Amino acid sequence: MSAPAELRLAVIREQCKQLHLPAVGLQCARLATEAAVANHDHLTYLEALLGAELEERTARLIDRRIREAHFPVLKTLEQFAFAEAPTIPAGTLRTLADGAYLAAAEPVLFLGEPGTGKTHLAIGLGVAACRQRRRVRFTTAAALINDLVEAQHQHQLSRVLNRWAHIELIIIDELAYMAVADLGAELLFQLIAERAEKATVIATTNLAFAEWTTVFPNARLCKALLDRLTDRAHIIETGTESYRFRRTLEQRQAKGRGKPRAAPARDAGASPGA
């Protein structure tokens, strides 16, 4: 590249920096060369350049959405071993991942024993929503209730509820996992009731609905909470066999098969060749 061309490129990159167009500044020279070789006109080159900028911005936004979601670990539906969990409807999960349930504000509930993939699947749907540039937040039920109770004590409940209201998808893990005091249950109900038919909630639980009164002692409140969560909901049962336990067992068995067998112990007086 000639000195004048290098100078022009430096000016263009500085302009792109001021205009916050990093992908244009980074790729303009390469795309210009490709356009010249392919004999593309100016509009085709401009389209490719702006397309690169939009693609880069979309990727950065998705990365930001995933960071802001506060997933404990990053898991996708593509990583889930559906073949090893035949009772879980893979087709239903893939359809949900397309996002129509978000537009319709339909809840999703995962029911099953620990280790059956509930949290993985919930995070997988959350990641899919982030890829669609949705605002997502993952939380455990205990952490969410603590947040609401603390806000109530500090007279900040309205502000905190408003903050949660701007999240398009809330994933509540381990719901009905441990006993909840009346105040916490009431505040959780308030948050979920305010989202009904407006925004989506995904929840995971290992407790059958009939047993929820063991953790939400107020029967009327428990019924109202279940009514909001199950209305128009996609209820997916993940079964009773722990996928995590089976995977751990298989890994240990594989390691055991890979270890060389120890030589049998010899009597103290035996000769090496015995």
Protein backbone atom coordinates (compact mmCIF):
# COMPACT_ATOMS: atom_id res chain seq x y z
CA MET A 1 0.00 0.00 0.00
CA SER A 2 1.35 3.42 -1.00
CA ALA A 3 2.05 6.16 1.53
CA PRO A 4 -0.92 8.32 0.38
CA ALA A 5 -3.24 5.29 0.63
CA GLU A 6 -1.94 4.48 4.12
CA LEU A 7 -2.52 8.09 5.17
CA ARG A 8 -6.09 8.03 3.80
CA LEU A 9 -6.73 4.75 5.60
CA ALA A 10 -5.44 6.23 8.87
CA VAL A 11 -7.80 9.22 8.43
CA ILE A 12 -10.74 6.89 7.71
CA ARG A 13 -10.00 4.80 10.81
CA GLU A 14 -9.81 7.91 12.97
CA GLN A 15 -13.15 9.07 11.56
CA CYS A 16 -14.64 5.65 12.26
CA LYS A 17 -13.34 5.84 15.80
CA GLN A 18 -15.07 9.18 16.33
CA LEU A 19 -18.29 7.86 14.75
CA HIS A 20 -18.12 4.64 16.81
CA LEU A 21 -17.89 2.41 13.71
CA PRO A 22 -15.11 -0.01 14.74
CA ALA A 23 -15.96 -2.77 12.23
CA VAL A 24 -15.96 -0.28 9.33
CA GLY A 25 -12.53 1.02 10.36
CA LEU A 26 -11.18 -2.50 10.80
CA GLN A 27 -12.53 -4.04 7.60
CA CYS A 28 -12.77 -1.18 5.10
CA ALA A 29 -9.37 -1.86 3.52
CA ARG A 30 -9.91 -5.63 3.18
CA LEU A 31 -13.40 -5.23 1.76
CA ALA A 32 -12.19 -2.51 -0.62
CA THR A 33 -9.55 -4.88 -1.98
CA GLU A 34 -12.10 -7.67 -2.37
CA ALA A 35 -14.52 -5.27 -4.11
CA ALA A 36 -11.82 -4.16 -6.56
CA VAL A 37 -10.84 -7.75 -7.39
CA ALA A 38 -14.48 -8.76 -7.90
CA ASN A 39 -15.24 -5.54 -9.78
CA HIS A 40 -18.05 -4.61 -7.40
CA ASP A 41 -19.66 -1.18 -7.63
CA HIS A 42 -19.60 1.37 -4.83
CA LEU A 43 -23.04 0.46 -3.48
CA THR A 44 -22.14 -3.23 -3.20
CA TYR A 45 -18.99 -2.29 -1.30
CA LEU A 46 -20.95 0.04 0.99
CA GLU A 47 -23.53 -2.66 1.64
CA ALA A 48 -20.82 -5.15 2.62
CA LEU A 49 -19.13 -2.57 4.86
CA LEU A 50 -22.30 -1.60 6.71
CA GLY A 51 -23.30 -5.27 6.95
CA ALA A 52 -20.00 -6.02 8.69
CA GLU A 53 -20.64 -3.20 11.17
CA LEU A 54 -24.17 -4.44 11.93
CA GLU A 55 -22.93 -8.00 12.36
CA GLU A 56 -20.25 -6.84 14.81
CA ARG A 57 -22.74 -4.75 16.77
CA THR A 58 -25.17 -7.66 16.99
CA ALA A 59 -22.42 -9.96 18.28
CA ARG A 60 -21.39 -7.40 20.92
CA LEU A 61 -25.01 -6.92 22.02
CA ILE A 62 -25.54 -10.67 22.37
CA ASP A 63 -22.35 -10.97 24.42
CA ARG A 64 -23.58 -8.15 26.67
CA ARG A 65 -27.00 -9.75 27.07
CA ILE A 66 -25.37 -13.03 28.11
CA ARG A 67 -23.11 -11.29 30.65
CA GLU A 68 -26.03 -9.33 32.09
CA ALA A 69 -28.10 -12.51 32.47
CA HIS A 70 -25.80 -13.71 35.28
CA PHE A 71 -25.96 -17.37 34.28
CA PRO A 72 -24.07 -19.49 36.84
CA VAL A 73 -22.58 -21.44 33.92
CA LEU A 74 -23.04 -21.06 30.19
CA LYS A 75 -25.06 -23.97 28.81
CA THR A 76 -26.90 -24.27 25.50
CA LEU A 77 -29.62 -26.55 24.20
CA GLU A 78 -27.13 -27.80 21.60
CA GLN A 79 -24.99 -29.15 24.44
CA PHE A 80 -27.82 -31.08 26.09
CA ALA A 81 -27.72 -34.85 25.50
CA PHE A 82 -31.34 -35.38 24.50
CA ALA A 83 -30.50 -38.91 23.34
CA GLU A 84 -29.70 -39.81 26.94
CA ALA A 85 -32.94 -38.28 28.24
CA PRO A 86 -35.62 -39.69 25.91
CA THR A 87 -38.52 -38.56 28.13
CA ILE A 88 -37.64 -34.90 27.58
CA PRO A 89 -39.36 -33.53 24.43
CA ALA A 90 -36.44 -32.27 22.36
CA GLY A 91 -38.76 -30.94 19.65
CA THR A 92 -40.71 -28.86 22.15
CA LEU A 93 -37.51 -27.33 23.53
CA ARG A 94 -36.23 -26.46 20.06
CA THR A 95 -39.56 -24.87 19.18
CA LEU A 96 -39.49 -22.84 22.40
CA ALA A 97 -35.97 -21.69 21.57
CA ASP A 98 -37.40 -19.92 18.50
CA GLY A 99 -38.93 -17.45 20.96
CA ALA A 100 -42.67 -17.41 20.24
CA TYR A 101 -43.39 -18.10 23.92
CA LEU A 102 -41.55 -14.87 24.80
CA ALA A 103 -43.70 -12.79 22.48
CA ALA A 104 -46.82 -14.43 23.97
CA ALA A 105 -45.51 -14.07 27.57
CA GLU A 106 -46.12 -17.78 28.23
CA PRO A 107 -44.43 -19.30 31.30
CA VAL A 108 -42.22 -22.39 31.08
CA LEU A 109 -41.98 -24.78 34.03
CA PHE A 110 -39.44 -27.58 34.36
CA LEU A 111 -40.42 -30.31 36.85
CA GLY A 112 -38.15 -33.16 37.84
CA GLU A 113 -35.79 -34.67 40.34
CA PRO A 114 -32.34 -33.12 40.98
CA GLY A 115 -29.82 -33.88 38.27
CA THR A 116 -32.35 -34.40 35.48
CA GLY A 117 -31.35 -31.33 33.45
CA LYS A 118 -33.87 -28.70 34.56
CA THR A 119 -31.33 -25.93 35.13
CA HIS A 120 -29.38 -26.79 31.96
CA LEU A 121 -32.54 -26.58 29.85
CA ALA A 122 -33.66 -23.34 31.51
CA ILE A 123 -30.27 -21.74 30.88
CA GLY A 124 -30.33 -23.08 27.32
CA LEU A 125 -33.61 -21.26 26.66
CA GLY A 126 -32.14 -18.18 28.34
CA VAL A 127 -29.10 -18.22 26.06
CA ALA A 128 -31.39 -18.63 23.03
CA ALA A 129 -33.34 -15.57 24.21
CA CYS A 130 -30.08 -13.61 24.59
CA ARG A 131 -29.21 -14.53 21.01
CA GLN A 132 -32.49 -12.88 20.05
CA ARG A 133 -31.24 -9.80 21.92
CA ARG A 134 -33.74 -10.20 24.75
CA ARG A 135 -33.01 -8.99 28.28
CA VAL A 136 -32.65 -12.07 30.48
CA ARG A 137 -31.87 -12.54 34.16
CA PHE A 138 -31.14 -15.82 35.96
CA THR A 139 -31.68 -16.09 39.71
CA THR A 140 -32.41 -18.69 42.33
CA ALA A 141 -35.74 -18.41 44.11
CA ALA A 142 -33.93 -17.83 47.40
CA ALA A 143 -31.84 -14.96 45.99
CA LEU A 144 -34.87 -13.35 44.36
CA ILE A 145 -36.95 -13.53 47.53
CA ASN A 146 -34.07 -12.13 49.59
CA ASP A 147 -33.74 -9.26 47.11
CA LEU A 148 -37.44 -8.44 47.38
CA VAL A 149 -37.59 -8.73 51.18
CA GLU A 150 -34.53 -6.51 51.58
CA ALA A 151 -36.05 -3.95 49.23
CA GLN A 152 -39.26 -4.00 51.27
CA HIS A 153 -37.37 -3.37 54.50
CA GLN A 154 -35.47 -0.48 52.90
CA HIS A 155 -38.66 1.01 51.39
CA GLN A 156 -37.25 0.39 47.91
CA LEU A 157 -39.69 -2.28 46.73
CA SER A 158 -41.24 -0.21 43.94
CA ARG A 159 -37.81 0.58 42.51
CA VAL A 160 -36.70 -3.06 42.63
CA LEU A 161 -39.95 -4.35 41.12
CA ASN A 162 -39.61 -1.79 38.35
CA ARG A 163 -36.06 -3.02 37.69
CA TRP A 164 -37.29 -6.61 37.37
CA ALA A 165 -40.19 -5.47 35.19
CA HIS A 166 -37.74 -4.36 32.50
CA ILE A 167 -36.33 -7.89 32.21
CA GLU A 168 -38.04 -9.70 29.32
CA LEU A 169 -37.26 -13.18 30.66
CA ILE A 170 -36.70 -14.09 34.31
CA ILE A 171 -35.38 -17.58 35.05
CA ILE A 172 -36.15 -18.66 38.62
CA ASP A 173 -34.17 -21.74 39.59
CA GLU A 174 -34.98 -24.02 42.54
CA LEU A 175 -38.49 -22.69 43.09
CA ALA A 176 -40.33 -24.43 45.96
CA TYR A 177 -37.02 -25.92 47.08
CA MET A 178 -37.15 -24.67 50.65
CA ALA A 179 -39.76 -23.20 52.99
CA VAL A 180 -40.66 -19.55 52.35
CA ALA A 181 -41.97 -17.15 54.99
CA ASP A 182 -45.26 -15.40 54.28
CA LEU A 183 -43.66 -12.04 53.45
CA GLY A 184 -41.27 -13.58 50.94
CA ALA A 185 -44.08 -15.60 49.37
CA GLU A 186 -46.29 -12.51 49.08
CA LEU A 187 -43.55 -10.48 47.40
CA LEU A 188 -42.71 -13.32 45.01
CA PHE A 189 -46.39 -13.60 44.11
CA GLN A 190 -46.53 -9.84 43.52
CA LEU A 191 -43.61 -9.97 41.10
CA ILE A 192 -45.00 -12.95 39.19
CA ALA A 193 -48.56 -11.61 39.15
CA GLU A 194 -47.39 -8.28 37.70
CA ARG A 195 -45.66 -10.16 34.87
CA ALA A 196 -48.69 -12.31 33.99
CA GLU A 197 -49.45 -12.05 30.26
CA LYS A 198 -46.86 -9.24 29.97
CA ALA A 199 -43.45 -10.89 30.31
CA THR A 200 -42.14 -14.41 30.63
CA VAL A 201 -41.01 -16.46 33.60
CA ILE A 202 -39.14 -19.76 33.41
CA ALA A 203 -39.05 -21.73 36.66
CA THR A 204 -37.49 -25.02 37.73
CA THR A 205 -38.74 -27.12 40.62
CA ASN A 206 -38.26 -30.63 41.97
CA LEU A 207 -41.54 -30.57 43.87
CA ALA A 208 -44.89 -31.74 42.52
CA PHE A 209 -47.52 -28.98 42.49
CA ALA A 210 -49.61 -30.86 45.06
CA GLU A 211 -46.70 -30.59 47.50
CA TRP A 212 -46.07 -26.86 47.17
CA THR A 213 -48.01 -26.12 50.36
CA THR A 214 -45.12 -27.72 52.26
CA VAL A 215 -42.93 -24.75 51.30
CA PHE A 216 -45.67 -22.13 50.89
CA PRO A 217 -47.75 -22.76 54.06
CA ASN A 218 -50.38 -20.14 53.16
CA ALA A 219 -52.65 -22.36 51.07
CA ARG A 220 -54.53 -19.48 49.45
CA LEU A 221 -51.33 -17.71 48.44
CA CYS A 222 -49.82 -20.99 47.20
CA LYS A 223 -52.86 -21.62 45.01
CA ALA A 224 -52.74 -18.09 43.61
CA LEU A 225 -49.02 -18.43 42.85
CA LEU A 226 -49.53 -21.74 41.05
CA ASP A 227 -52.46 -20.26 39.15
CA ARG A 228 -50.27 -17.45 37.77
CA LEU A 229 -47.34 -19.74 36.96
CA THR A 230 -49.32 -22.48 35.24
CA ASP A 231 -51.71 -20.30 33.25
CA ARG A 232 -50.92 -20.94 29.54
CA ALA A 233 -47.64 -22.50 30.68
CA HIS A 234 -45.42 -25.01 28.90
CA ILE A 235 -44.90 -27.68 31.57
CA ILE A 236 -41.98 -29.99 30.86
CA GLU A 237 -41.22 -32.97 33.06
CA THR A 238 -37.58 -34.02 33.13
CA GLY A 239 -38.12 -37.30 34.96
CA THR A 240 -36.67 -38.93 38.04
CA GLU A 241 -33.36 -40.43 36.88
CA SER A 242 -30.40 -38.17 37.60
CA TYR A 243 -28.55 -37.43 34.38
CA ARG A 244 -25.67 -35.95 36.39
CA PHE A 245 -25.35 -39.05 38.57
CA ARG A 246 -25.41 -41.38 35.56
CA ARG A 247 -22.80 -39.29 33.75
CA THR A 248 -20.51 -39.27 36.82
CA LEU A 249 -20.91 -43.04 37.22
CA GLU A 250 -20.07 -43.64 33.55
CA GLN A 251 -16.99 -41.42 33.80
CA ARG A 252 -15.76 -43.31 36.85
CA GLN A 253 -16.37 -46.65 35.18
CA ALA A 254 -14.48 -45.47 32.09
CA LYS A 255 -11.53 -44.38 34.24
CA GLY A 256 -11.61 -47.73 36.03
CA ARG A 257 -11.45 -49.62 32.74
CA GLY A 258 -8.53 -47.49 31.62
CA LYS A 259 -6.36 -48.22 34.67
CA PRO A 260 -3.82 -51.08 34.43
CA ARG A 261 -4.54 -53.95 36.74
CA ALA A 262 -2.30 -54.22 39.77
CA ALA A 263 -0.01 -57.27 39.88
CA PRO A 264 -1.18 -59.93 42.33
CA ALA A 265 0.61 -59.82 45.67
CA ARG A 266 3.27 -62.50 46.21
CA ASP A 267 3.99 -64.36 49.42
CA ALA A 268 6.90 -62.85 51.32
CA GLY A 269 9.09 -65.90 50.73
CA ALA A 270 8.28 -66.44 47.07
CA SER A 271 11.00 -65.98 44.47
CA PRO A 272 10.54 -63.38 41.68
CA GLY A 273 9.99 -66.11 39.15
CA ALA A 274 7.34 -67.97 41.15
